[in-house]
Amino acid sequence: MGSQAVKYAILFVGKMLASAQLVTMMPTAIPTVLSKAIVDTGIFFISYVIQKKWVFATKEAEKKQS
């Protein structure tokens, strides 16, 4: 299993846990479907940045961050 696959698997599990936790923390006045849409939209953008900077980062980009 490649390094990127392991990093992506870690990100995937983290996204699922974060989504479940954040949806349960949303106020009950908001319908569950709407809560899920709001939470997952935010997680989508955060995930994009993490994938770009960590999961699929090139060797040169990793050296610049160090």
C-alpha atoms as a PDB file:
ATOM      1  CA  MET A   1       0.000   0.000   0.000  1.00  0.00           C
ATOM      2  CA  GLY A   2       1.494   3.305  -1.069  1.00  0.00           C
ATOM      3  CA  SER A   3       2.160   6.307   1.106  1.00  0.00           C
ATOM      4  CA  GLN A   4      -0.588   8.321  -0.594  1.00  0.00           C
ATOM      5  CA  ALA A   5      -3.103   5.531  -0.054  1.00  0.00           C
ATOM      6  CA  VAL A   6      -2.336   5.395   3.660  1.00  0.00           C
ATOM      7  CA  LYS A   7      -2.608   9.186   3.979  1.00  0.00           C
ATOM      8  CA  TYR A   8      -5.898   9.175   2.070  1.00  0.00           C
ATOM      9  CA  ALA A   9      -7.269   6.380   4.257  1.00  0.00           C
ATOM     10  CA  ILE A  10      -6.385   8.402   7.373  1.00  0.00           C
ATOM     11  CA  LEU A  11      -8.091  11.456   5.877  1.00  0.00           C
ATOM     12  CA  PHE A  12     -11.165   9.398   4.927  1.00  0.00           C
ATOM     13  CA  VAL A  13     -11.620   8.031   8.440  1.00  0.00           C
ATOM     14  CA  GLY A  14     -11.079  11.493   9.908  1.00  0.00           C
ATOM     15  CA  LYS A  15     -13.681  12.983   7.571  1.00  0.00           C
ATOM     16  CA  MET A  16     -16.250  10.344   8.514  1.00  0.00           C
ATOM     17  CA  LEU A  17     -15.667  10.821  12.247  1.00  0.00           C
ATOM     18  CA  ALA A  18     -15.727  14.625  11.967  1.00  0.00           C
ATOM     19  CA  SER A  19     -18.904  14.569   9.899  1.00  0.00           C
ATOM     20  CA  ALA A  20     -20.733  12.294  12.321  1.00  0.00           C
ATOM     21  CA  GLN A  21     -19.639  14.298  15.355  1.00  0.00           C
ATOM     22  CA  LEU A  22     -20.410  17.711  13.868  1.00  0.00           C
ATOM     23  CA  VAL A  23     -23.846  16.678  12.579  1.00  0.00           C
ATOM     24  CA  THR A  24     -24.826  15.427  16.035  1.00  0.00           C
ATOM     25  CA  MET A  25     -23.638  18.727  17.546  1.00  0.00           C
ATOM     26  CA  MET A  26     -25.832  20.865  15.258  1.00  0.00           C
ATOM     27  CA  PRO A  27     -28.928  22.415  16.854  1.00  0.00           C
ATOM     28  CA  THR A  28     -32.053  20.256  16.714  1.00  0.00           C
ATOM     29  CA  ALA A  29     -33.985  23.174  15.157  1.00  0.00           C
ATOM     30  CA  ILE A  30     -32.090  22.522  11.903  1.00  0.00           C
ATOM     31  CA  PRO A  31     -33.292  19.492   9.914  1.00  0.00           C
ATOM     32  CA  THR A  32     -30.762  16.642   9.838  1.00  0.00           C
ATOM     33  CA  VAL A  33     -30.447  16.701   6.043  1.00  0.00           C
ATOM     34  CA  LEU A  34     -29.635  20.411   6.087  1.00  0.00           C
ATOM     35  CA  SER A  35     -27.154  19.925   8.947  1.00  0.00           C
ATOM     36  CA  LYS A  36     -25.412  17.151   7.002  1.00  0.00           C
ATOM     37  CA  ALA A  37     -25.217  19.340   3.879  1.00  0.00           C
ATOM     38  CA  ILE A  38     -23.721  22.277   5.801  1.00  0.00           C
ATOM     39  CA  VAL A  39     -21.181  20.140   7.666  1.00  0.00           C
ATOM     40  CA  ASP A  40     -20.114  18.114   4.638  1.00  0.00           C
ATOM     41  CA  THR A  41     -19.677  21.238   2.516  1.00  0.00           C
ATOM     42  CA  GLY A  42     -17.248  22.641   5.067  1.00  0.00           C
ATOM     43  CA  ILE A  43     -15.440  19.320   5.371  1.00  0.00           C
ATOM     44  CA  PHE A  44     -15.164  19.130   1.570  1.00  0.00           C
ATOM     45  CA  PHE A  45     -13.169  22.357   1.377  1.00  0.00           C
ATOM     46  CA  ILE A  46     -10.982  21.462   4.350  1.00  0.00           C
ATOM     47  CA  SER A  47     -10.351  18.034   2.832  1.00  0.00           C
ATOM     48  CA  TYR A  48      -9.328  19.609  -0.476  1.00  0.00           C
ATOM     49  CA  VAL A  49      -6.644  21.671   1.235  1.00  0.00           C
ATOM     50  CA  ILE A  50      -5.382  18.684   3.235  1.00  0.00           C
ATOM     51  CA  GLN A  51      -5.206  16.539   0.103  1.00  0.00           C
ATOM     52  CA  LYS A  52      -3.340  19.227  -1.784  1.00  0.00           C
ATOM     53  CA  LYS A  53      -0.823  19.985   0.983  1.00  0.00           C
ATOM     54  CA  TRP A  54      -0.384  16.555   2.584  1.00  0.00           C
ATOM     55  CA  VAL A  55      -1.848  13.551   0.735  1.00  0.00           C
ATOM     56  CA  PHE A  56      -0.776  14.368  -2.816  1.00  0.00           C
ATOM     57  CA  ALA A  57       2.055  16.799  -2.057  1.00  0.00           C
ATOM     58  CA  THR A  58       5.107  16.555  -4.273  1.00  0.00           C
ATOM     59  CA  LYS A  59       8.554  16.038  -2.791  1.00  0.00           C
ATOM     60  CA  GLU A  60       9.470  19.661  -3.613  1.00  0.00           C
ATOM     61  CA  ALA A  61       6.394  21.012  -1.844  1.00  0.00           C
ATOM     62  CA  GLU A  62       7.166  18.919   1.254  1.00  0.00           C
ATOM     63  CA  LYS A  63      10.722  20.278   1.359  1.00  0.00           C
ATOM     64  CA  LYS A  64       9.448  23.885   1.173  1.00  0.00           C
ATOM     65  CA  GLN A  65       7.157  23.301   4.152  1.00  0.00           C
ATOM     66  CA  SER A  66       9.997  21.925   6.321  1.00  0.00           C
END
